Amino acid sequence: MYYPTMKERFQRVIGLPQRSSPPSTGLKTALLIGLLALIGLLVVWANRTPNLSNLRVAILSGSERGNYYAVVSALATEAQQQRGHIDNLSSAGSVENVERLIAAKTACNIHFALVQEGMDWPADHMLELIGRLSKAESLVFLGLNADQLRVLTDLRGKRIGIGPSGSGTARLVRQVVAPLADLDLRLSTHSMDEQLAKLEAGELDLGAMVIDEDARLLTEAVRDRKLQILNLPGADALARRLPFTRVGRIAAGQYDPVRQLPGEDKRILRLDTLLVGNRCARRSVTQALLTVLTTVFPDFVRDNRDRPNLTGLRWAPAARSYMDNGGPDIVGVYAPWVVDLMPTASWVQLILGLSILSNVMSWWHSFRLWRVDTLRVRIESALPLLFGSGVTVGEITEMPASAQHRTPEARAKLDAIIDQLTTLSDRCRRQSLSILVPMGQEFAYRYQEALMADLLYALRAFRDRLER
């Protein structure tokens, strides 16, 4: 007698068409290939010798003789040593920088700008804070006879140059002198060189500049041009009106200890310089720029991390992460394109989520497989009532039908067992093709299907003999 093979019996009983690749298998294969491709890209595109070659930005600074321009020049020099590139774009100052930075949002040909703190940010500016420079700038008033001005009333009717039009200096001075309307101050805007020339010629009584107190321009103005620094009257009261300013001091003899220049300590106002971005730079590029900043200004991270952000701007996500971590993101150092796709923290969360999902899928797969096995055993427990205890599947296949098997009750019981097994086998097949089944775990379902296929073949063969 011919006995069909396991495969033939399984196909004949279950009645399922052959298919070379179930949908879930194809999806799992695609996921595996994608994961391997991602790992390959990480290996190929990783920077084995980290550098800043991905840093290609343009930064708005200020006048070519001013401190902002000198700061960006120092950053550009450091970036070049690490294979990066920074374009130093001169400007009239902070006000112009903000306007140009916002206007460049569409073309993204400008990425960052140095700006004085205390600016009024437009409501829809879309600007972000990258950080504040470690060393504050000083608002200094220079004049040929500045030492003679001791109280605020001495300033009445004075001619004061407030720097170039559109500069942060001009804006700041107007804010400082706003409460001094009764003094009838005459304000005018000039380029830096023109203002210094007018001060020497006596055409201006005072000239304002926001500058690093150690800048060469200020040193030359005091030592070579014989200009005096104003000991700002009412400095404390004026600073209280502008929360972003604070009172500072230039020590006597700071610019020439032999000639004692200046002749006494000078009270001035200090304010911070902000580096602002317009969200055109990628995360990895922002991180690279921050790395340059920490090289040029070693205290940059500490100063920004320890001080609250009261600028009115939100931290750029890359900058906030840089400050919180105390340095660059290691993934961004070796694989910058990875953090451009998604922050490292999000990658970690994604991997953790996938790991949890994998564990849940494995647990659910085991639970469903246990349920299939439990139901199959429960169905098989009815077989001894029909065929006697200890009977095997092979024996049922060859067992002759007796009178007790031809009763309506026995026939109904046999049909019920066959229907339950068929339903359970279909359920087992559907679950085995589910995406929830971990790759390679389909074989446990196949084993259950094979057991049910053998039993169904034997029961149906027995029922055919009863009907004949």
Protein backbone atom coordinates (compact mmCIF):
# COMPACT_ATOMS: atom_id res chain seq x y z
CA MET A 1 0.00 0.00 0.00
CA TYR A 2 1.25 3.52 -0.87
CA TYR A 3 1.71 5.91 2.04
CA PRO A 4 1.83 9.61 1.11
CA THR A 5 4.70 11.67 2.43
CA MET A 6 4.34 14.15 5.25
CA LYS A 7 4.41 17.06 2.76
CA GLU A 8 1.72 15.50 0.56
CA ARG A 9 -0.55 14.78 3.50
CA PHE A 10 -0.05 18.25 4.92
CA GLN A 11 -0.94 19.96 1.63
CA ARG A 12 -3.91 17.66 1.00
CA VAL A 13 -5.40 18.08 4.50
CA ILE A 14 -4.81 21.76 5.03
CA GLY A 15 -5.55 22.67 1.45
CA LEU A 16 -3.20 25.68 1.43
CA PRO A 17 -1.45 26.73 -1.79
CA GLN A 18 2.32 26.62 -1.95
CA ARG A 19 4.13 29.91 -1.88
CA SER A 20 7.81 30.50 -1.82
CA SER A 21 7.88 33.60 0.37
CA PRO A 22 5.09 34.67 2.76
CA PRO A 23 4.62 38.45 3.08
CA SER A 24 5.97 38.54 6.62
CA THR A 25 9.08 36.66 5.54
CA GLY A 26 9.75 39.20 2.82
CA LEU A 27 9.26 42.08 5.24
CA LYS A 28 11.56 40.54 7.81
CA THR A 29 14.17 39.93 5.12
CA ALA A 30 13.91 43.55 4.01
CA LEU A 31 14.32 44.76 7.61
CA LEU A 32 17.39 42.56 8.06
CA ILE A 33 18.93 43.81 4.81
CA GLY A 34 18.18 47.41 5.83
CA LEU A 35 19.84 46.91 9.21
CA LEU A 36 22.92 45.36 7.62
CA ALA A 37 23.04 48.23 5.09
CA LEU A 38 22.86 50.80 7.90
CA ILE A 39 25.69 49.08 9.75
CA GLY A 40 27.69 49.03 6.52
CA LEU A 41 27.14 52.76 5.98
CA LEU A 42 28.22 53.46 9.54
CA VAL A 43 31.46 51.58 8.92
CA VAL A 44 32.12 53.14 5.50
CA TRP A 45 31.19 56.73 6.32
CA ALA A 46 32.56 56.89 9.86
CA ASN A 47 35.41 59.34 10.43
CA ARG A 48 38.23 57.10 11.57
CA THR A 49 40.33 60.22 12.15
CA PRO A 50 37.79 62.80 13.35
CA ASN A 51 37.98 66.29 11.89
CA LEU A 52 35.66 69.20 11.13
CA SER A 53 35.46 68.75 7.37
CA ASN A 54 31.68 68.95 7.59
CA LEU A 55 31.91 72.51 8.94
CA ARG A 56 31.05 74.88 6.09
CA VAL A 57 29.29 77.99 7.42
CA ALA A 58 29.06 81.75 7.04
CA ILE A 59 28.99 83.97 10.15
CA LEU A 60 28.00 87.62 10.29
CA SER A 61 30.45 89.54 12.49
CA GLY A 62 30.85 93.32 12.40
CA SER A 63 33.21 96.06 11.32
CA GLU A 64 36.54 94.77 10.04
CA ARG A 65 38.26 96.80 12.75
CA GLY A 66 35.88 95.67 15.47
CA ASN A 67 35.94 92.90 18.03
CA TYR A 68 33.25 90.75 16.39
CA TYR A 69 35.25 90.50 13.19
CA ALA A 70 38.38 89.58 15.16
CA VAL A 71 36.49 86.86 17.06
CA VAL A 72 35.12 85.24 13.89
CA SER A 73 38.57 85.48 12.28
CA ALA A 74 40.01 83.53 15.22
CA LEU A 75 37.26 80.92 14.83
CA ALA A 76 37.93 80.65 11.09
CA THR A 77 41.66 80.12 11.68
CA GLU A 78 41.00 77.36 14.20
CA ALA A 79 38.41 75.71 11.93
CA GLN A 80 40.84 75.72 9.02
CA GLN A 81 43.38 73.81 11.09
CA GLN A 82 40.78 71.06 11.52
CA ARG A 83 39.75 71.05 7.81
CA GLY A 84 36.66 73.18 8.40
CA HIS A 85 35.75 76.48 6.76
CA ILE A 86 34.09 79.61 8.16
CA ASP A 87 33.26 82.65 6.03
CA ASN A 88 33.66 85.86 8.04
CA LEU A 89 31.05 88.33 6.77
CA SER A 90 31.54 91.94 7.87
CA SER A 91 28.54 94.10 8.74
CA ALA A 92 27.48 97.33 10.43
CA GLY A 93 26.71 95.51 13.69
CA SER A 94 24.11 93.60 15.65
CA VAL A 95 20.94 95.17 14.23
CA GLU A 96 22.04 94.50 10.66
CA ASN A 97 23.19 91.01 11.64
CA VAL A 98 19.74 90.08 12.94
CA GLU A 99 18.04 91.41 9.82
CA ARG A 100 20.41 89.64 7.43
CA LEU A 101 20.30 86.41 9.40
CA ILE A 102 16.51 86.29 9.23
CA ALA A 103 16.51 87.23 5.53
CA ALA A 104 18.98 84.41 4.80
CA LYS A 105 16.57 81.84 6.21
CA THR A 106 15.24 81.06 2.73
CA ALA A 107 18.51 80.69 0.84
CA CYS A 108 20.49 79.47 3.87
CA ASN A 109 23.63 81.16 2.59
CA ILE A 110 24.26 82.63 6.08
CA HIS A 111 24.06 80.39 9.14
CA PHE A 112 25.13 82.30 12.25
CA ALA A 113 25.74 85.81 13.56
CA LEU A 114 27.32 87.53 16.55
CA VAL A 115 24.76 89.76 18.26
CA GLN A 116 24.70 91.90 21.40
CA GLU A 117 22.47 90.66 24.17
CA GLY A 118 19.34 92.69 24.74
CA MET A 119 18.06 92.73 21.18
CA ASP A 120 14.32 92.75 20.50
CA TRP A 121 13.67 89.54 18.60
CA PRO A 122 10.85 89.58 16.03
CA ALA A 123 7.96 87.29 16.96
CA ASP A 124 8.46 84.99 13.97
CA HIS A 125 12.23 85.23 13.83
CA MET A 126 12.93 81.48 14.03
CA LEU A 127 16.34 82.23 15.56
CA GLU A 128 18.12 80.01 18.08
CA LEU A 129 20.75 80.60 20.72
CA ILE A 130 24.00 78.77 20.08
CA GLY A 131 25.81 80.25 23.07
CA ARG A 132 27.28 83.37 24.64
CA LEU A 133 30.96 84.23 24.33
CA SER A 134 32.96 83.75 27.50
CA LYS A 135 34.27 87.31 27.67
CA ALA A 136 31.76 90.17 27.91
CA GLU A 137 32.09 93.38 25.89
CA SER A 138 32.17 96.86 27.32
CA LEU A 139 30.21 99.97 26.44
CA VAL A 140 32.89 102.66 26.52
CA PHE A 141 32.53 106.43 25.97
CA LEU A 142 35.68 108.20 24.77
CA GLY A 143 36.42 111.93 24.59
CA LEU A 144 39.23 114.47 24.74
CA ASN A 145 37.96 115.82 28.06
CA ALA A 146 35.99 112.85 29.38
CA ASP A 147 37.79 113.01 32.75
CA GLN A 148 36.07 116.34 33.47
CA LEU A 149 32.59 114.81 33.27
CA ARG A 150 31.80 113.67 36.80
CA VAL A 151 28.01 113.76 37.15
CA LEU A 152 25.14 113.26 34.76
CA THR A 153 24.39 116.97 34.55
CA ASP A 154 27.89 117.51 33.12
CA LEU A 155 26.61 115.71 30.00
CA ARG A 156 24.00 118.35 29.21
CA GLY A 157 23.96 119.27 25.53
CA LYS A 158 26.97 117.09 24.69
CA ARG A 159 27.55 115.85 21.14
CA ILE A 160 27.80 112.06 21.27
CA GLY A 161 28.70 109.72 18.41
CA ILE A 162 26.95 106.38 18.77
CA GLY A 163 28.66 104.32 16.08
CA PRO A 164 27.42 103.22 12.65
CA SER A 165 23.75 103.36 11.77
CA GLY A 166 22.19 99.92 12.26
CA SER A 167 24.82 98.84 14.74
CA GLY A 168 24.21 97.32 18.14
CA THR A 169 26.20 100.17 19.66
CA ALA A 170 23.77 102.77 18.33
CA ARG A 171 20.79 100.80 19.57
CA LEU A 172 22.32 100.24 23.02
CA VAL A 173 23.32 103.88 23.52
CA ARG A 174 19.80 105.03 22.67
CA GLN A 175 18.51 102.63 25.35
CA VAL A 176 21.06 103.86 27.90
CA VAL A 177 20.32 107.56 27.38
CA ALA A 178 16.54 107.15 27.09
CA PRO A 179 16.04 108.21 30.77
CA LEU A 180 18.30 111.25 30.21
CA ALA A 181 15.99 113.18 27.88
CA ASP A 182 16.30 116.32 30.04
CA LEU A 183 20.00 116.58 29.22
CA ASP A 184 19.32 117.43 25.54
CA LEU A 185 22.00 115.05 24.29
CA ARG A 186 22.79 115.35 20.57
CA LEU A 187 23.31 111.89 19.11
CA SER A 188 24.77 111.16 15.69
CA THR A 189 25.86 108.03 13.83
CA HIS A 190 29.29 107.59 12.25
CA SER A 191 31.58 104.84 11.08
CA MET A 192 34.23 103.87 13.60
CA ASP A 193 37.11 105.66 11.84
CA GLU A 194 35.03 108.77 11.22
CA GLN A 195 33.94 108.88 14.84
CA LEU A 196 37.50 108.62 16.15
CA ALA A 197 38.62 111.37 13.78
CA LYS A 198 35.81 113.68 14.96
CA LEU A 199 36.70 112.97 18.58
CA GLU A 200 40.34 113.96 17.97
CA ALA A 201 39.24 117.09 16.14
CA GLY A 202 36.87 118.07 18.93
CA GLU A 203 33.82 117.84 16.67
CA LEU A 204 32.31 115.30 19.08
CA ASP A 205 32.40 115.51 22.84
CA LEU A 206 32.01 111.77 23.36
CA GLY A 207 32.02 108.70 21.16
CA ALA A 208 30.54 105.36 22.16
CA MET A 209 31.75 101.90 21.19
CA VAL A 210 30.88 98.41 22.33
CA ILE A 211 34.19 96.61 22.33
CA ASP A 212 36.45 94.17 24.11
CA GLU A 213 38.26 96.25 26.70
CA ASP A 214 41.55 94.66 25.62
CA ALA A 215 40.98 95.33 21.92
CA ARG A 216 43.82 96.97 20.03
CA LEU A 217 41.50 99.70 18.72
CA LEU A 218 40.62 100.85 22.23
CA THR A 219 44.23 100.68 23.38
CA GLU A 220 45.35 102.86 20.44
CA ALA A 221 42.53 105.32 21.10
CA VAL A 222 43.71 105.84 24.70
CA ARG A 223 47.47 105.65 24.20
CA ASP A 224 48.00 107.18 20.74
CA ARG A 225 44.95 109.38 20.15
CA LYS A 226 45.01 110.72 23.75
CA LEU A 227 41.31 110.04 24.21
CA GLN A 228 40.00 109.65 27.74
CA ILE A 229 37.52 107.05 29.00
CA LEU A 230 34.37 108.39 30.62
CA ASN A 231 33.80 107.23 34.19
CA LEU A 232 30.09 106.70 33.51
CA PRO A 233 28.02 108.75 36.00
CA GLY A 234 25.10 106.85 37.50
CA ALA A 235 26.31 103.55 36.08
CA ASP A 236 24.45 101.47 38.68
CA ALA A 237 21.14 103.23 38.09
CA LEU A 238 21.47 102.97 34.32
CA ALA A 239 22.35 99.25 34.50
CA ARG A 240 19.26 98.51 36.61
CA ARG A 241 17.07 99.78 33.76
CA LEU A 242 18.70 97.34 31.32
CA PRO A 243 18.71 93.84 32.84
CA PHE A 244 21.10 92.50 30.18
CA THR A 245 23.84 94.95 31.27
CA ARG A 246 25.98 95.07 34.38
CA VAL A 247 28.53 97.49 35.78
CA GLY A 248 32.19 96.77 35.05
CA ARG A 249 35.50 98.44 35.77
CA ILE A 250 38.57 99.30 33.75
CA ALA A 251 41.52 99.53 36.10
CA ALA A 252 43.75 102.58 36.37
CA GLY A 253 46.89 102.16 34.25
CA GLN A 254 45.40 99.23 32.32
CA TYR A 255 46.53 100.60 28.95
CA ASP A 256 49.77 102.18 30.06
CA PRO A 257 50.94 101.55 33.62
CA VAL A 258 53.89 103.96 33.21
CA ARG A 259 51.86 106.96 32.07
CA GLN A 260 48.94 105.78 34.19
CA LEU A 261 46.38 105.50 31.40
CA PRO A 262 43.65 105.73 32.39
CA GLY A 263 44.46 107.83 35.41
CA GLU A 264 41.83 106.23 37.65
CA ASP A 265 39.41 103.31 37.68
CA LYS A 266 36.63 103.79 35.14
CA ARG A 267 33.12 102.46 35.60
CA ILE A 268 31.59 101.21 32.37
CA LEU A 269 28.70 98.93 31.34
CA ARG A 270 29.26 95.37 30.26
CA LEU A 271 27.05 93.07 28.21
CA ASP A 272 27.40 89.65 26.65
CA THR A 273 27.84 88.71 23.01
CA LEU A 274 25.52 86.01 21.68
CA LEU A 275 26.11 83.58 18.86
CA VAL A 276 22.75 83.15 17.13
CA GLY A 277 21.67 80.73 14.40
CA ASN A 278 18.76 80.72 11.95
CA ARG A 279 18.29 76.91 11.90
CA CYS A 280 19.95 76.55 8.50
CA ALA A 281 22.90 74.57 9.87
CA ARG A 282 22.56 70.85 10.49
CA ARG A 283 23.05 69.43 13.97
CA SER A 284 26.49 68.05 13.16
CA VAL A 285 27.57 71.42 11.74
CA THR A 286 26.39 73.25 14.87
CA GLN A 287 28.29 70.74 16.99
CA ALA A 288 31.42 71.26 14.90
CA LEU A 289 31.18 75.03 15.36
CA LEU A 290 30.76 74.58 19.10
CA THR A 291 33.90 72.45 19.12
CA VAL A 292 35.78 75.33 17.49
CA LEU A 293 34.35 77.74 20.06
CA THR A 294 35.47 75.57 22.99
CA THR A 295 38.95 75.44 21.49
CA VAL A 296 39.20 79.22 21.15
CA PHE A 297 37.31 79.91 24.42
CA PRO A 298 38.11 77.06 26.88
CA ASP A 299 35.48 78.23 29.39
CA PHE A 300 32.72 78.45 26.78
CA VAL A 301 30.80 75.32 27.84
CA ARG A 302 31.07 76.00 31.57
CA ASP A 303 29.93 79.61 31.23
CA ASN A 304 26.89 78.69 29.16
CA ARG A 305 25.93 75.69 31.25
CA ASP A 306 26.11 77.49 34.59
CA ARG A 307 24.26 80.66 33.59
CA PRO A 308 20.50 80.80 32.97
CA ASN A 309 19.27 81.66 29.50
CA LEU A 310 17.55 85.04 29.82
CA THR A 311 18.11 86.13 26.23
CA GLY A 312 14.57 85.49 25.00
CA LEU A 313 15.85 82.91 22.50
CA ARG A 314 15.46 79.16 22.73
CA TRP A 315 18.55 77.01 22.82
CA ALA A 316 19.36 75.27 19.56
CA PRO A 317 18.82 71.53 20.31
CA ALA A 318 22.38 70.67 19.26
CA ALA A 319 23.79 73.44 21.47
CA ARG A 320 21.67 72.47 24.48
CA SER A 321 22.81 68.85 24.15
CA TYR A 322 26.43 69.99 23.78
CA MET A 323 26.24 72.05 26.97
CA ASP A 324 24.45 69.32 28.95
CA ASN A 325 27.02 66.70 27.92
CA GLY A 326 29.95 69.03 28.54
CA GLY A 327 31.28 68.39 25.06
CA PRO A 328 30.57 66.95 21.63
CA ASP A 329 28.31 64.02 20.92
CA ILE A 330 30.66 61.09 20.24
CA VAL A 331 28.41 59.81 17.46
CA GLY A 332 28.48 63.24 15.84
CA VAL A 333 32.28 63.22 15.97
CA TYR A 334 32.72 59.92 14.13
CA ALA A 335 29.50 59.81 12.06
CA PRO A 336 28.10 63.33 11.67
CA TRP A 337 25.43 62.27 9.18
CA VAL A 338 23.85 60.01 11.81
CA VAL A 339 23.00 62.87 14.16
CA ASP A 340 21.75 64.89 11.18
CA LEU A 341 19.14 62.19 10.60
CA MET A 342 18.18 62.06 14.26
CA PRO A 343 19.80 63.08 17.59
CA THR A 344 21.81 60.42 19.36
CA ALA A 345 19.37 60.43 22.29
CA SER A 346 16.56 59.64 19.87
CA TRP A 347 18.62 56.83 18.34
CA VAL A 348 19.14 55.37 21.80
CA GLN A 349 15.43 55.64 22.52
CA LEU A 350 14.64 54.02 19.18
CA ILE A 351 17.02 51.12 19.82
CA LEU A 352 15.63 50.70 23.32
CA GLY A 353 12.09 50.77 21.94
CA LEU A 354 12.96 48.19 19.28
CA SER A 355 14.54 46.00 21.93
CA ILE A 356 11.43 46.21 24.11
CA LEU A 357 9.24 45.56 21.06
CA SER A 358 11.34 42.53 20.17
CA ASN A 359 10.96 41.14 23.69
CA VAL A 360 7.21 41.76 23.66
CA MET A 361 6.93 40.10 20.26
CA SER A 362 8.90 37.10 21.51
CA TRP A 363 6.72 36.84 24.61
CA TRP A 364 3.49 37.14 22.60
CA HIS A 365 4.76 34.58 20.11
CA SER A 366 5.51 32.13 22.94
CA PHE A 367 2.09 32.76 24.49
CA ARG A 368 0.22 32.15 21.23
CA LEU A 369 2.25 29.04 20.50
CA TRP A 370 1.49 27.74 23.98
CA ARG A 371 -2.21 28.36 23.38
CA VAL A 372 -2.10 26.42 20.08
CA ASP A 373 -0.35 23.48 21.75
CA THR A 374 -2.80 23.55 24.68
CA LEU A 375 -5.84 23.52 22.38
CA ARG A 376 -4.38 20.73 20.25
CA VAL A 377 -3.78 18.55 23.31
CA ARG A 378 -7.31 19.32 24.54
CA ILE A 379 -8.78 18.20 21.19
CA GLU A 380 -6.66 15.03 21.18
CA SER A 381 -7.95 14.17 24.66
CA ALA A 382 -11.28 13.19 23.03
CA LEU A 383 -9.65 10.49 20.85
CA PRO A 384 -9.54 7.73 23.51
CA LEU A 385 -13.36 7.94 23.80
CA LEU A 386 -13.64 6.95 20.13
CA PHE A 387 -10.66 4.68 19.55
CA GLY A 388 -9.55 3.56 22.99
CA SER A 389 -6.61 4.55 25.10
CA GLY A 390 -3.05 4.38 23.80
CA VAL A 391 -4.04 4.43 20.13
CA THR A 392 -1.57 6.12 17.74
CA VAL A 393 -2.13 8.21 14.63
CA GLY A 394 -0.82 5.44 12.43
CA GLU A 395 -3.21 2.93 14.02
CA ILE A 396 -6.18 5.22 13.40
CA THR A 397 -5.21 5.39 9.74
CA GLU A 398 -5.48 1.59 9.37
CA MET A 399 -8.11 0.90 12.00
CA PRO A 400 -11.24 -0.90 10.66
CA ALA A 401 -14.60 0.67 11.46
CA SER A 402 -16.69 -1.14 14.05
CA ALA A 403 -20.35 -0.90 15.02
CA GLN A 404 -19.62 1.52 17.89
CA HIS A 405 -18.08 3.97 15.41
CA ARG A 406 -21.25 3.97 13.24
CA THR A 407 -23.54 5.45 15.88
CA PRO A 408 -24.75 9.04 15.30
CA GLU A 409 -23.06 10.16 18.51
CA ALA A 410 -19.69 8.73 17.43
CA ARG A 411 -20.02 10.22 13.96
CA ALA A 412 -20.88 13.63 15.41
CA LYS A 413 -17.93 13.44 17.79
CA LEU A 414 -15.56 12.50 14.94
CA ASP A 415 -16.81 15.40 12.79
CA ALA A 416 -16.42 17.82 15.69
CA ILE A 417 -12.82 16.73 16.27
CA ILE A 418 -12.00 17.16 12.57
CA ASP A 419 -13.63 20.61 12.45
CA GLN A 420 -11.80 21.78 15.59
CA LEU A 421 -8.46 20.54 14.29
CA THR A 422 -9.02 22.18 10.90
CA THR A 423 -9.89 25.50 12.54
CA LEU A 424 -6.90 25.29 14.86
CA SER A 425 -4.58 24.38 11.99
CA ASP A 426 -5.75 27.42 10.00
CA ARG A 427 -5.21 29.59 13.05
CA CYS A 428 -1.73 28.18 13.52
CA ARG A 429 -0.83 28.95 9.91
CA ARG A 430 -2.08 32.55 10.14
CA GLN A 431 -0.12 33.16 13.32
CA SER A 432 3.04 31.64 11.86
CA LEU A 433 2.91 34.19 9.02
CA SER A 434 2.49 37.15 11.39
CA ILE A 435 5.17 39.85 11.54
CA LEU A 436 5.12 39.41 15.32
CA VAL A 437 6.87 36.02 15.00
CA PRO A 438 10.63 36.54 15.52
CA MET A 439 12.70 35.53 12.53
CA GLY A 440 13.46 31.79 12.60
CA GLN A 441 10.71 30.97 15.12
CA GLU A 442 8.21 29.90 12.45
CA PHE A 443 9.46 26.30 12.77
CA ALA A 444 7.66 25.84 16.09
CA TYR A 445 4.37 26.62 14.33
CA ARG A 446 5.30 24.29 11.48
CA TYR A 447 5.82 21.49 13.97
CA GLN A 448 2.35 22.06 15.42
CA GLU A 449 0.87 22.17 11.92
CA ALA A 450 2.58 18.89 11.01
CA LEU A 451 1.18 17.14 14.09
CA MET A 452 -2.34 18.33 13.28
CA ALA A 453 -1.92 17.47 9.59
CA ASP A 454 -1.00 13.85 10.43
CA LEU A 455 -3.95 13.50 12.78
CA LEU A 456 -6.38 15.10 10.33
CA TYR A 457 -5.22 12.77 7.56
CA ALA A 458 -5.79 9.74 9.81
CA LEU A 459 -9.23 10.92 11.00
CA ARG A 460 -10.46 11.77 7.51
CA ALA A 461 -9.23 8.47 6.16
CA PHE A 462 -11.14 6.71 8.96
CA ARG A 463 -14.28 8.72 8.22
CA ASP A 464 -14.05 7.79 4.54
CA ARG A 465 -14.06 4.10 5.49
CA LEU A 466 -17.13 4.67 7.66
CA GLU A 467 -18.97 6.27 4.76
CA ARG A 468 -18.05 3.40 2.43
